[in-house]
PDB file of all heavy atoms in Angstrom:
ATOM      1  N   LEU A   1       0.818  -1.186  -0.027  1.00  0.00           N
ATOM      2  CA  LEU A   1       0.006   0.007   0.025  1.00  0.00           C
ATOM      3  C   LEU A   1       0.880   1.254  -0.002  1.00  0.00           C
ATOM      4  O   LEU A   1       0.548   2.224  -0.674  1.00  0.00           O
ATOM      5  CB  LEU A   1      -0.942   0.026   1.220  1.00  0.00           C
ATOM      6  CG  LEU A   1      -2.120  -0.930   1.107  1.00  0.00           C
ATOM      7  CD1 LEU A   1      -2.915  -0.919   2.412  1.00  0.00           C
ATOM      8  CD2 LEU A   1      -3.026  -0.633  -0.046  1.00  0.00           C
ATOM      9  N   ILE A   2       1.926   1.247   0.736  1.00  0.00           N
ATOM     10  CA  ILE A   2       2.870   2.431   0.768  1.00  0.00           C
ATOM     11  C   ILE A   2       3.444   2.619  -0.645  1.00  0.00           C
ATOM     12  O   ILE A   2       3.523   3.732  -1.099  1.00  0.00           O
ATOM     13  CB  ILE A   2       3.882   2.256   1.883  1.00  0.00           C
ATOM     14  CG1 ILE A   2       3.309   2.341   3.307  1.00  0.00           C
ATOM     15  CG2 ILE A   2       4.977   3.265   1.746  1.00  0.00           C
ATOM     16  CD1 ILE A   2       4.162   1.964   4.367  1.00  0.00           C
ATOM     17  N   LYS A   3       3.923   1.497  -1.267  1.00  0.00           N
ATOM     18  CA  LYS A   3       4.410   1.614  -2.565  1.00  0.00           C
ATOM     19  C   LYS A   3       3.427   2.190  -3.586  1.00  0.00           C
ATOM     20  O   LYS A   3       3.730   3.102  -4.422  1.00  0.00           O
ATOM     21  CB  LYS A   3       4.974   0.339  -3.048  1.00  0.00           C
ATOM     22  CG  LYS A   3       6.256  -0.099  -2.383  1.00  0.00           C
ATOM     23  CD  LYS A   3       6.745  -1.434  -2.929  1.00  0.00           C
ATOM     24  CE  LYS A   3       8.020  -1.886  -2.175  1.00  0.00           C
ATOM     25  NZ  LYS A   3       8.462  -3.170  -2.694  1.00  0.00           N
ATOM     26  N   VAL A   4       2.233   1.767  -3.456  1.00  0.00           N
ATOM     27  CA  VAL A   4       1.115   2.223  -4.376  1.00  0.00           C
ATOM     28  C   VAL A   4       0.833   3.718  -4.164  1.00  0.00           C
ATOM     29  O   VAL A   4       0.753   4.496  -5.044  1.00  0.00           O
ATOM     30  CB  VAL A   4      -0.128   1.373  -4.197  1.00  0.00           C
ATOM     31  CG1 VAL A   4      -1.335   2.038  -4.877  1.00  0.00           C
ATOM     32  CG2 VAL A   4       0.060  -0.049  -4.752  1.00  0.00           C
ATOM     33  N   LEU A   5       0.761   4.086  -2.819  1.00  0.00           N
ATOM     34  CA  LEU A   5       0.571   5.525  -2.568  1.00  0.00           C
ATOM     35  C   LEU A   5       1.699   6.357  -3.034  1.00  0.00           C
ATOM     36  O   LEU A   5       1.482   7.435  -3.551  1.00  0.00           O
ATOM     37  CB  LEU A   5       0.363   5.691  -1.026  1.00  0.00           C
ATOM     38  CG  LEU A   5      -1.004   5.190  -0.515  1.00  0.00           C
ATOM     39  CD1 LEU A   5      -1.017   5.312   0.977  1.00  0.00           C
ATOM     40  CD2 LEU A   5      -2.108   5.963  -1.077  1.00  0.00           C
ATOM     41  N   LEU A   6       2.978   5.841  -2.918  1.00  0.00           N
ATOM     42  CA  LEU A   6       4.101   6.674  -3.380  1.00  0.00           C
ATOM     43  C   LEU A   6       4.044   6.805  -4.905  1.00  0.00           C
ATOM     44  O   LEU A   6       4.364   7.906  -5.404  1.00  0.00           O
ATOM     45  CB  LEU A   6       5.387   5.992  -2.991  1.00  0.00           C
ATOM     46  CG  LEU A   6       5.780   6.124  -1.477  1.00  0.00           C
ATOM     47  CD1 LEU A   6       7.028   5.380  -1.151  1.00  0.00           C
ATOM     48  CD2 LEU A   6       5.988   7.580  -1.092  1.00  0.00           C
ATOM     49  N   VAL A   7       3.665   5.762  -5.598  1.00  0.00           N
ATOM     50  CA  VAL A   7       3.578   5.892  -7.053  1.00  0.00           C
ATOM     51  C   VAL A   7       2.498   6.877  -7.403  1.00  0.00           C
ATOM     52  O   VAL A   7       2.656   7.685  -8.301  1.00  0.00           O
ATOM     53  CB  VAL A   7       3.234   4.468  -7.657  1.00  0.00           C
ATOM     54  CG1 VAL A   7       2.852   4.564  -9.084  1.00  0.00           C
ATOM     55  CG2 VAL A   7       4.507   3.624  -7.538  1.00  0.00           C
ATOM     56  N   ARG A   8       1.347   6.886  -6.679  1.00  0.00           N
ATOM     57  CA  ARG A   8       0.268   7.755  -7.033  1.00  0.00           C
ATOM     58  C   ARG A   8       0.724   9.208  -6.693  1.00  0.00           C
ATOM     59  O   ARG A   8       0.404  10.157  -7.414  1.00  0.00           O
ATOM     60  CB  ARG A   8      -0.985   7.373  -6.248  1.00  0.00           C
ATOM     61  CG  ARG A   8      -1.608   6.208  -6.825  1.00  0.00           C
ATOM     62  CD  ARG A   8      -3.027   6.003  -6.348  1.00  0.00           C
ATOM     63  NE  ARG A   8      -3.605   4.813  -7.030  1.00  0.00           N
ATOM     64  CZ  ARG A   8      -4.677   4.283  -6.641  1.00  0.00           C
ATOM     65  NH1 ARG A   8      -5.440   4.829  -5.702  1.00  0.00           N
ATOM     66  NH2 ARG A   8      -5.111   3.213  -7.280  1.00  0.00           N
ATOM     67  N   VAL A   9       1.421   9.374  -5.628  1.00  0.00           N
ATOM     68  CA  VAL A   9       1.892  10.744  -5.269  1.00  0.00           C
ATOM     69  C   VAL A   9       2.846  11.246  -6.286  1.00  0.00           C
ATOM     70  O   VAL A   9       2.896  12.440  -6.613  1.00  0.00           O
ATOM     71  CB  VAL A   9       2.484  10.781  -3.804  1.00  0.00           C
ATOM     72  CG1 VAL A   9       3.243  12.069  -3.598  1.00  0.00           C
ATOM     73  CG2 VAL A   9       1.390  10.536  -2.808  1.00  0.00           C
ATOM     74  N   LYS A  10       3.751  10.380  -6.835  1.00  0.00           N
ATOM     75  CA  LYS A  10       4.649  10.744  -7.816  1.00  0.00           C
ATOM     76  C   LYS A  10       3.963  11.052  -9.194  1.00  0.00           C
ATOM     77  O   LYS A  10       4.394  11.822  -9.990  1.00  0.00           O
ATOM     78  CB  LYS A  10       5.671   9.641  -8.037  1.00  0.00           C
ATOM     79  CG  LYS A  10       6.680   9.584  -6.988  1.00  0.00           C
ATOM     80  CD  LYS A  10       7.720   8.458  -7.161  1.00  0.00           C
ATOM     81  CE  LYS A  10       8.607   8.324  -5.951  1.00  0.00           C
ATOM     82  NZ  LYS A  10       9.517   7.186  -6.109  1.00  0.00           N
ATOM     83  N   LEU A  11       2.755  10.335  -9.450  1.00  0.00           N
ATOM     84  CA  LEU A  11       2.068  10.491 -10.703  1.00  0.00           C
ATOM     85  C   LEU A  11       1.380  11.828 -10.773  1.00  0.00           C
ATOM     86  O   LEU A  11       1.154  12.390 -11.827  1.00  0.00           O
ATOM     87  CB  LEU A  11       1.117   9.317 -10.915  1.00  0.00           C
ATOM     88  CG  LEU A  11       1.659   8.019 -11.440  1.00  0.00           C
ATOM     89  CD1 LEU A  11       0.600   7.013 -11.559  1.00  0.00           C
ATOM     90  CD2 LEU A  11       2.375   8.204 -12.744  1.00  0.00           C
ATOM     91  N   ILE A  12       0.887  12.377  -9.669  1.00  0.00           N
ATOM     92  CA  ILE A  12       0.066  13.557  -9.641  1.00  0.00           C
ATOM     93  C   ILE A  12       0.802  14.716 -10.234  1.00  0.00           C
ATOM     94  O   ILE A  12       0.197  15.374 -11.104  1.00  0.00           O
ATOM     95  CB  ILE A  12      -0.462  13.853  -8.141  1.00  0.00           C
ATOM     96  CG1 ILE A  12      -1.504  12.881  -7.817  1.00  0.00           C
ATOM     97  CG2 ILE A  12      -1.067  15.295  -8.103  1.00  0.00           C
ATOM     98  CD1 ILE A  12      -1.933  12.864  -6.380  1.00  0.00           C
ATOM     99  N   PRO A  13       1.999  15.001  -9.823  1.00  0.00           N
ATOM    100  CA  PRO A  13       2.727  16.156 -10.500  1.00  0.00           C
ATOM    101  C   PRO A  13       2.922  15.921 -11.977  1.00  0.00           C
ATOM    102  O   PRO A  13       2.830  16.801 -12.792  1.00  0.00           O
ATOM    103  CB  PRO A  13       4.084  16.250  -9.740  1.00  0.00           C
ATOM    104  CG  PRO A  13       3.839  15.551  -8.500  1.00  0.00           C
ATOM    105  CD  PRO A  13       2.832  14.485  -8.703  1.00  0.00           C
ATOM    106  N   ASP A  14       3.273  14.697 -12.344  1.00  0.00           N
ATOM    107  CA  ASP A  14       3.387  14.321 -13.791  1.00  0.00           C
ATOM    108  C   ASP A  14       2.136  14.638 -14.563  1.00  0.00           C
ATOM    109  O   ASP A  14       2.119  15.140 -15.655  1.00  0.00           O
ATOM    110  CB  ASP A  14       3.869  12.919 -14.018  1.00  0.00           C
ATOM    111  CG  ASP A  14       5.255  12.673 -13.388  1.00  0.00           C
ATOM    112  OD1 ASP A  14       6.010  13.653 -13.284  1.00  0.00           O
ATOM    113  OD2 ASP A  14       5.632  11.531 -13.212  1.00  0.00           O
ATOM    114  N   LEU A  15       1.010  14.241 -13.977  1.00  0.00           N
ATOM    115  CA  LEU A  15      -0.319  14.426 -14.611  1.00  0.00           C
ATOM    116  C   LEU A  15      -0.549  15.956 -14.758  1.00  0.00           C
ATOM    117  O   LEU A  15      -1.139  16.389 -15.753  1.00  0.00           O
ATOM    118  CB  LEU A  15      -1.376  13.678 -13.916  1.00  0.00           C
ATOM    119  CG  LEU A  15      -1.368  12.187 -13.992  1.00  0.00           C
ATOM    120  CD1 LEU A  15      -2.458  11.583 -13.060  1.00  0.00           C
ATOM    121  CD2 LEU A  15      -1.659  11.775 -15.429  1.00  0.00           C
ATOM    122  N   LEU A  16      -0.270  16.668 -13.704  1.00  0.00           N
ATOM    123  CA  LEU A  16      -0.465  18.116 -13.730  1.00  0.00           C
ATOM    124  C   LEU A  16       0.398  18.845 -14.816  1.00  0.00           C
ATOM    125  O   LEU A  16      -0.063  19.730 -15.574  1.00  0.00           O
ATOM    126  CB  LEU A  16      -0.195  18.747 -12.337  1.00  0.00           C
ATOM    127  CG  LEU A  16      -1.175  18.455 -11.250  1.00  0.00           C
ATOM    128  CD1 LEU A  16      -0.681  19.016  -9.875  1.00  0.00           C
ATOM    129  CD2 LEU A  16      -2.590  18.975 -11.551  1.00  0.00           C
ATOM    130  N   ILE A  17       1.650  18.377 -14.874  1.00  0.00           N
ATOM    131  CA  ILE A  17       2.541  18.938 -15.925  1.00  0.00           C
ATOM    132  C   ILE A  17       2.045  18.584 -17.273  1.00  0.00           C
ATOM    133  O   ILE A  17       1.999  19.404 -18.232  1.00  0.00           O
ATOM    134  CB  ILE A  17       3.992  18.514 -15.692  1.00  0.00           C
ATOM    135  CG1 ILE A  17       4.540  19.129 -14.391  1.00  0.00           C
ATOM    136  CG2 ILE A  17       4.889  18.790 -16.880  1.00  0.00           C
ATOM    137  CD1 ILE A  17       5.856  18.513 -13.932  1.00  0.00           C
ATOM    138  N   ALA A  18       1.595  17.330 -17.502  1.00  0.00           N
ATOM    139  CA  ALA A  18       1.096  16.915 -18.837  1.00  0.00           C
ATOM    140  C   ALA A  18      -0.167  17.716 -19.131  1.00  0.00           C
ATOM    141  O   ALA A  18      -0.309  18.150 -20.283  1.00  0.00           O
ATOM    142  CB  ALA A  18       0.755  15.404 -18.786  1.00  0.00           C
ATOM    143  N   GLY A  19      -1.073  17.875 -18.146  1.00  0.00           N
ATOM    144  CA  GLY A  19      -2.302  18.691 -18.440  1.00  0.00           C
ATOM    145  C   GLY A  19      -2.029  20.101 -18.798  1.00  0.00           C
ATOM    146  O   GLY A  19      -2.601  20.747 -19.665  1.00  0.00           O
ATOM    147  N   ARG A  20      -0.989  20.648 -18.081  1.00  0.00           N
ATOM    148  CA  ARG A  20      -0.555  22.077 -18.408  1.00  0.00           C
ATOM    149  C   ARG A  20       0.061  22.130 -19.817  1.00  0.00           C
ATOM    150  O   ARG A  20      -0.254  23.064 -20.579  1.00  0.00           O
ATOM    151  CB  ARG A  20       0.459  22.542 -17.435  1.00  0.00           C
ATOM    152  CG  ARG A  20       0.956  23.934 -17.579  1.00  0.00           C
ATOM    153  CD  ARG A  20       2.061  24.247 -16.632  1.00  0.00           C
ATOM    154  NE  ARG A  20       3.189  23.330 -16.830  1.00  0.00           N
ATOM    155  CZ  ARG A  20       4.353  23.721 -17.415  1.00  0.00           C
ATOM    156  NH1 ARG A  20       4.539  24.917 -17.736  1.00  0.00           N
ATOM    157  NH2 ARG A  20       5.246  22.846 -17.561  1.00  0.00           N
ATOM    158  N   ASN A  21       0.834  21.165 -20.170  1.00  0.00           N
ATOM    159  CA  ASN A  21       1.386  21.138 -21.541  1.00  0.00           C
ATOM    160  C   ASN A  21       0.331  21.029 -22.588  1.00  0.00           C
ATOM    161  O   ASN A  21       0.420  21.665 -23.672  1.00  0.00           O
ATOM    162  CB  ASN A  21       2.374  20.000 -21.699  1.00  0.00           C
ATOM    163  CG  ASN A  21       3.652  20.216 -20.902  1.00  0.00           C
ATOM    164  OD1 ASN A  21       3.972  21.380 -20.631  1.00  0.00           O
ATOM    165  ND2 ASN A  21       4.377  19.208 -20.538  1.00  0.00           N
ATOM    166  N   VAL A  22      -0.691  20.192 -22.377  1.00  0.00           N
ATOM    167  CA  VAL A  22      -1.828  20.048 -23.282  1.00  0.00           C
ATOM    168  C   VAL A  22      -2.583  21.405 -23.425  1.00  0.00           C
ATOM    169  O   VAL A  22      -2.892  21.821 -24.519  1.00  0.00           O
ATOM    170  CB  VAL A  22      -2.745  18.925 -22.859  1.00  0.00           C
ATOM    171  CG1 VAL A  22      -4.093  19.061 -23.668  1.00  0.00           C
ATOM    172  CG2 VAL A  22      -2.154  17.591 -22.990  1.00  0.00           C
ATOM    173  N   LEU A  23      -2.764  22.047 -22.328  1.00  0.00           N
ATOM    174  CA  LEU A  23      -3.421  23.341 -22.290  1.00  0.00           C
ATOM    175  C   LEU A  23      -2.657  24.401 -23.128  1.00  0.00           C
ATOM    176  O   LEU A  23      -3.202  25.117 -23.892  1.00  0.00           O
ATOM    177  CB  LEU A  23      -3.718  23.814 -20.933  1.00  0.00           C
ATOM    178  CG  LEU A  23      -4.664  24.990 -20.713  1.00  0.00           C
ATOM    179  CD1 LEU A  23      -6.042  24.631 -21.238  1.00  0.00           C
ATOM    180  CD2 LEU A  23      -4.708  25.450 -19.266  1.00  0.00           C
ATOM    181  N   LEU A  24      -1.357  24.477 -22.865  1.00  0.00           N
ATOM    182  CA  LEU A  24      -0.436  25.396 -23.567  1.00  0.00           C
ATOM    183  C   LEU A  24      -0.487  25.114 -25.079  1.00  0.00           C
ATOM    184  O   LEU A  24      -0.521  26.014 -25.866  1.00  0.00           O
ATOM    185  CB  LEU A  24       0.919  25.340 -23.029  1.00  0.00           C
ATOM    186  CG  LEU A  24       1.122  25.933 -21.723  1.00  0.00           C
ATOM    187  CD1 LEU A  24       2.554  25.764 -21.224  1.00  0.00           C
ATOM    188  CD2 LEU A  24       0.777  27.395 -21.668  1.00  0.00           C
ATOM    189  N   ASN A  25      -0.493  23.799 -25.409  1.00  0.00           N
ATOM    190  CA  ASN A  25      -0.457  23.410 -26.903  1.00  0.00           C
ATOM    191  C   ASN A  25      -1.817  23.887 -27.533  1.00  0.00           C
ATOM    192  O   ASN A  25      -1.860  24.312 -28.625  1.00  0.00           O
ATOM    193  CB  ASN A  25      -0.293  21.901 -27.052  1.00  0.00           C
ATOM    194  CG  ASN A  25       1.229  21.567 -26.831  1.00  0.00           C
ATOM    195  OD1 ASN A  25       2.027  22.354 -27.028  1.00  0.00           O
ATOM    196  ND2 ASN A  25       1.437  20.287 -26.496  1.00  0.00           N
ATOM    197  N   ARG A  26      -2.903  23.683 -26.719  1.00  0.00           N
ATOM    198  CA  ARG A  26      -4.177  24.151 -27.286  1.00  0.00           C
ATOM    199  C   ARG A  26      -4.259  25.653 -27.496  1.00  0.00           C
ATOM    200  O   ARG A  26      -4.745  26.132 -28.504  1.00  0.00           O
ATOM    201  CB  ARG A  26      -5.344  23.706 -26.394  1.00  0.00           C
ATOM    202  CG  ARG A  26      -5.598  22.239 -26.472  1.00  0.00           C
ATOM    203  CD  ARG A  26      -6.875  21.876 -25.803  1.00  0.00           C
ATOM    204  NE  ARG A  26      -7.128  20.427 -26.027  1.00  0.00           N
ATOM    205  CZ  ARG A  26      -8.053  19.749 -25.420  1.00  0.00           C
ATOM    206  NH1 ARG A  26      -8.882  20.409 -24.580  1.00  0.00           N
ATOM    207  NH2 ARG A  26      -8.201  18.467 -25.580  1.00  0.00           N
ATOM    208  N   PHE A  27      -3.646  26.412 -26.590  1.00  0.00           N
ATOM    209  CA  PHE A  27      -3.598  27.866 -26.779  1.00  0.00           C
ATOM    210  C   PHE A  27      -2.726  28.228 -27.953  1.00  0.00           C
ATOM    211  O   PHE A  27      -3.049  29.113 -28.732  1.00  0.00           O
ATOM    212  CB  PHE A  27      -3.008  28.510 -25.474  1.00  0.00           C
ATOM    213  CG  PHE A  27      -4.016  28.677 -24.355  1.00  0.00           C
ATOM    214  CD1 PHE A  27      -3.626  28.453 -23.020  1.00  0.00           C
ATOM    215  CD2 PHE A  27      -5.324  28.900 -24.514  1.00  0.00           C
ATOM    216  CE1 PHE A  27      -4.461  28.599 -22.025  1.00  0.00           C
ATOM    217  CE2 PHE A  27      -6.200  29.044 -23.575  1.00  0.00           C
ATOM    218  CZ  PHE A  27      -5.775  28.873 -22.309  1.00  0.00           C
ATOM    219  N   LYS A  28      -1.664  27.464 -28.147  1.00  0.00           N
ATOM    220  CA  LYS A  28      -0.807  27.670 -29.274  1.00  0.00           C
ATOM    221  C   LYS A  28      -1.522  27.414 -30.610  1.00  0.00           C
ATOM    222  O   LYS A  28      -1.455  28.172 -31.573  1.00  0.00           O
ATOM    223  CB  LYS A  28       0.480  26.921 -29.195  1.00  0.00           C
ATOM    224  CG  LYS A  28       1.501  27.348 -28.204  1.00  0.00           C
ATOM    225  CD  LYS A  28       2.728  26.533 -28.125  1.00  0.00           C
ATOM    226  CE  LYS A  28       3.683  26.893 -27.022  1.00  0.00           C
ATOM    227  NZ  LYS A  28       4.766  25.962 -26.908  1.00  0.00           N
ATOM    228  N   ILE A  29      -2.263  26.333 -30.600  1.00  0.00           N
ATOM    229  CA  ILE A  29      -3.005  25.958 -31.825  1.00  0.00           C
ATOM    230  C   ILE A  29      -4.130  26.986 -32.064  1.00  0.00           C
ATOM    231  O   ILE A  29      -4.281  27.388 -33.269  1.00  0.00           O
ATOM    232  CB  ILE A  29      -3.691  24.507 -31.622  1.00  0.00           C
ATOM    233  CG1 ILE A  29      -2.515  23.517 -31.665  1.00  0.00           C
ATOM    234  CG2 ILE A  29      -4.679  24.253 -32.724  1.00  0.00           C
ATOM    235  CD1 ILE A  29      -3.057  22.030 -31.328  1.00  0.00           C
ATOM    236  N   ILE A  30      -4.814  27.505 -31.051  1.00  0.00           N
ATOM    237  CA  ILE A  30      -5.849  28.457 -31.254  1.00  0.00           C
ATOM    238  C   ILE A  30      -5.247  29.703 -31.790  1.00  0.00           C
ATOM    239  O   ILE A  30      -5.725  30.396 -32.729  1.00  0.00           O
ATOM    240  CB  ILE A  30      -6.623  28.723 -29.960  1.00  0.00           C
ATOM    241  CG1 ILE A  30      -7.539  27.512 -29.639  1.00  0.00           C
ATOM    242  CG2 ILE A  30      -7.475  29.919 -30.057  1.00  0.00           C
ATOM    243  CD1 ILE A  30      -8.071  27.511 -28.266  1.00  0.00           C
ATOM    244  N   GLY A  31      -4.089  30.105 -31.182  1.00  0.00           N
ATOM    245  CA  GLY A  31      -3.393  31.347 -31.693  1.00  0.00           C
ATOM    246  C   GLY A  31      -2.947  31.218 -33.135  1.00  0.00           C
ATOM    247  O   GLY A  31      -3.159  32.142 -33.935  1.00  0.00           O
ATOM    248  N   SER A  32      -2.371  30.100 -33.532  1.00  0.00           N
ATOM    249  CA  SER A  32      -1.902  29.903 -34.872  1.00  0.00           C
ATOM    250  C   SER A  32      -3.147  29.875 -35.824  1.00  0.00           C
ATOM    251  O   SER A  32      -3.040  30.336 -37.017  1.00  0.00           O
ATOM    252  CB  SER A  32      -1.077  28.662 -35.002  1.00  0.00           C
ATOM    253  OG  SER A  32      -1.827  27.480 -34.672  1.00  0.00           O
ATOM    254  N   LEU A  33      -4.248  29.234 -35.393  1.00  0.00           N
ATOM    255  CA  LEU A  33      -5.432  29.201 -36.213  1.00  0.00           C
ATOM    256  C   LEU A  33      -5.925  30.663 -36.428  1.00  0.00           C
ATOM    257  O   LEU A  33      -6.420  30.964 -37.572  1.00  0.00           O
ATOM    258  CB  LEU A  33      -6.495  28.314 -35.648  1.00  0.00           C
ATOM    259  CG  LEU A  33      -6.292  26.817 -35.721  1.00  0.00           C
ATOM    260  CD1 LEU A  33      -7.329  26.081 -35.004  1.00  0.00           C
ATOM    261  CD2 LEU A  33      -6.193  26.377 -37.260  1.00  0.00           C
ATOM    262  N   LEU A  34      -5.930  31.461 -35.381  1.00  0.00           N
ATOM    263  CA  LEU A  34      -6.321  32.849 -35.508  1.00  0.00           C
ATOM    264  C   LEU A  34      -5.508  33.624 -36.511  1.00  0.00           C
ATOM    265  O   LEU A  34      -5.973  34.391 -37.338  1.00  0.00           O
ATOM    266  CB  LEU A  34      -6.439  33.607 -34.163  1.00  0.00           C
ATOM    267  CG  LEU A  34      -7.555  33.188 -33.248  1.00  0.00           C
ATOM    268  CD1 LEU A  34      -7.383  33.837 -31.872  1.00  0.00           C
ATOM    269  CD2 LEU A  34      -8.910  33.569 -33.884  1.00  0.00           C
ATOM    270  N   ILE A  35      -4.159  33.428 -36.369  1.00  0.00           N
ATOM    271  CA  ILE A  35      -3.221  34.093 -37.290  1.00  0.00           C
ATOM    272  C   ILE A  35      -3.431  33.611 -38.665  1.00  0.00           C
ATOM    273  O   ILE A  35      -3.475  34.407 -39.675  1.00  0.00           O
ATOM    274  CB  ILE A  35      -1.824  33.823 -36.781  1.00  0.00           C
ATOM    275  CG1 ILE A  35      -1.515  34.606 -35.500  1.00  0.00           C
ATOM    276  CG2 ILE A  35      -0.774  34.310 -37.852  1.00  0.00           C
ATOM    277  CD1 ILE A  35      -0.259  34.225 -34.823  1.00  0.00           C
ATOM    278  N   GLU A  36      -3.682  32.316 -38.930  1.00  0.00           N
ATOM    279  CA  GLU A  36      -3.934  31.834 -40.253  1.00  0.00           C
ATOM    280  C   GLU A  36      -5.283  32.373 -40.811  1.00  0.00           C
ATOM    281  O   GLU A  36      -5.289  32.660 -41.993  1.00  0.00           O
ATOM    282  CB  GLU A  36      -3.961  30.240 -40.240  1.00  0.00           C
ATOM    283  CG  GLU A  36      -2.627  29.656 -40.107  1.00  0.00           C
ATOM    284  CD  GLU A  36      -1.668  29.996 -41.150  1.00  0.00           C
ATOM    285  OE1 GLU A  36      -2.086  30.075 -42.374  1.00  0.00           O
ATOM    286  OE2 GLU A  36      -0.494  30.273 -40.836  1.00  0.00           O
ATOM    287  N   GLY A  37      -6.199  32.496 -39.945  1.00  0.00           N
ATOM    288  CA  GLY A  37      -7.493  33.070 -40.410  1.00  0.00           C
ATOM    289  C   GLY A  37      -7.398  34.522 -40.761  1.00  0.00           C
ATOM    290  O   GLY A  37      -7.940  34.969 -41.834  1.00  0.00           O
ATOM    291  N   ILE A  38      -6.597  35.283 -40.047  1.00  0.00           N
ATOM    292  CA  ILE A  38      -6.292  36.630 -40.424  1.00  0.00           C
ATOM    293  C   ILE A  38      -5.508  36.710 -41.738  1.00  0.00           C
ATOM    294  O   ILE A  38      -5.801  37.542 -42.612  1.00  0.00           O
ATOM    295  CB  ILE A  38      -5.542  37.388 -39.263  1.00  0.00           C
ATOM    296  CG1 ILE A  38      -6.489  37.573 -38.118  1.00  0.00           C
ATOM    297  CG2 ILE A  38      -5.001  38.723 -39.750  1.00  0.00           C
ATOM    298  CD1 ILE A  38      -5.795  37.997 -36.786  1.00  0.00           C
ATOM    299  N   ASN A  39      -4.553  35.813 -41.951  1.00  0.00           N
ATOM    300  CA  ASN A  39      -3.761  35.816 -43.143  1.00  0.00           C
ATOM    301  C   ASN A  39      -4.693  35.451 -44.360  1.00  0.00           C
ATOM    302  O   ASN A  39      -4.531  36.070 -45.360  1.00  0.00           O
ATOM    303  CB  ASN A  39      -2.602  34.800 -43.023  1.00  0.00           C
ATOM    304  CG  ASN A  39      -1.489  35.280 -42.073  1.00  0.00           C
ATOM    305  OD1 ASN A  39      -1.466  36.479 -41.946  1.00  0.00           O
ATOM    306  ND2 ASN A  39      -0.690  34.409 -41.612  1.00  0.00           N
ATOM    307  N   VAL A  40      -5.553  34.500 -44.223  1.00  0.00           N
ATOM    308  CA  VAL A  40      -6.443  34.156 -45.294  1.00  0.00           C
ATOM    309  C   VAL A  40      -7.371  35.361 -45.609  1.00  0.00           C
ATOM    310  O   VAL A  40      -7.560  35.681 -46.773  1.00  0.00           O
ATOM    311  CB  VAL A  40      -7.327  32.875 -44.908  1.00  0.00           C
ATOM    312  CG1 VAL A  40      -8.438  32.713 -45.856  1.00  0.00           C
ATOM    313  CG2 VAL A  40      -6.423  31.669 -44.828  1.00  0.00           C
ATOM    314  N   PHE A  41      -7.826  36.005 -44.549  1.00  0.00           N
ATOM    315  CA  PHE A  41      -8.679  37.192 -44.766  1.00  0.00           C
ATOM    316  C   PHE A  41      -7.896  38.309 -45.494  1.00  0.00           C
ATOM    317  O   PHE A  41      -8.431  38.880 -46.460  1.00  0.00           O
ATOM    318  CB  PHE A  41      -9.165  37.752 -43.430  1.00  0.00           C
ATOM    319  CG  PHE A  41     -10.110  38.845 -43.524  1.00  0.00           C
ATOM    320  CD1 PHE A  41     -11.384  38.701 -44.061  1.00  0.00           C
ATOM    321  CD2 PHE A  41      -9.759  40.140 -43.075  1.00  0.00           C
ATOM    322  CE1 PHE A  41     -12.269  39.730 -44.133  1.00  0.00           C
ATOM    323  CE2 PHE A  41     -10.635  41.195 -43.161  1.00  0.00           C
ATOM    324  CZ  PHE A  41     -11.855  41.033 -43.715  1.00  0.00           C
ATOM    325  N   LEU A  42      -6.693  38.502 -45.071  1.00  0.00           N
ATOM    326  CA  LEU A  42      -5.843  39.494 -45.831  1.00  0.00           C
ATOM    327  C   LEU A  42      -5.592  39.109 -47.266  1.00  0.00           C
ATOM    328  O   LEU A  42      -5.599  39.982 -48.200  1.00  0.00           O
ATOM    329  CB  LEU A  42      -4.571  39.774 -45.067  1.00  0.00           C
ATOM    330  CG  LEU A  42      -4.673  40.434 -43.765  1.00  0.00           C
ATOM    331  CD1 LEU A  42      -3.307  40.524 -43.016  1.00  0.00           C
ATOM    332  CD2 LEU A  42      -5.254  41.813 -43.845  1.00  0.00           C
ATOM    333  N   VAL A  43      -5.287  37.890 -47.451  1.00  0.00           N
ATOM    334  CA  VAL A  43      -5.078  37.424 -48.889  1.00  0.00           C
ATOM    335  C   VAL A  43      -6.372  37.590 -49.743  1.00  0.00           C
ATOM    336  O   VAL A  43      -6.237  38.075 -50.880  1.00  0.00           O
ATOM    337  CB  VAL A  43      -4.636  35.930 -48.862  1.00  0.00           C
ATOM    338  CG1 VAL A  43      -4.674  35.337 -50.309  1.00  0.00           C
ATOM    339  CG2 VAL A  43      -3.217  35.815 -48.323  1.00  0.00           C
ATOM    340  N   ARG A  44      -7.502  37.344 -49.156  1.00  0.00           N
ATOM    341  CA  ARG A  44      -8.737  37.553 -49.884  1.00  0.00           C
ATOM    342  C   ARG A  44      -8.933  38.970 -50.174  1.00  0.00           C
ATOM    343  O   ARG A  44      -9.449  39.406 -51.295  1.00  0.00           O
ATOM    344  CB  ARG A  44      -9.938  36.964 -49.118  1.00  0.00           C
ATOM    345  CG  ARG A  44     -10.035  35.436 -49.182  1.00  0.00           C
ATOM    346  CD  ARG A  44     -11.202  34.870 -48.617  1.00  0.00           C
ATOM    347  NE  ARG A  44     -11.214  33.483 -48.757  1.00  0.00           N
ATOM    348  CZ  ARG A  44     -12.096  32.696 -48.197  1.00  0.00           C
ATOM    349  NH1 ARG A  44     -13.075  33.149 -47.468  1.00  0.00           N
ATOM    350  NH2 ARG A  44     -12.002  31.353 -48.310  1.00  0.00           N
TER     351      ARG A  44
END
């Protein structure tokens, strides 16, 4: 039980970091899509 709890405690920060990275990637994708949309509008 102690080993399982230690693994779970170690997994929580990794999961938080992974969730943060996913969120940052989504923001980057949204930003790049907005920039591409503006570029398409300017080209039109």
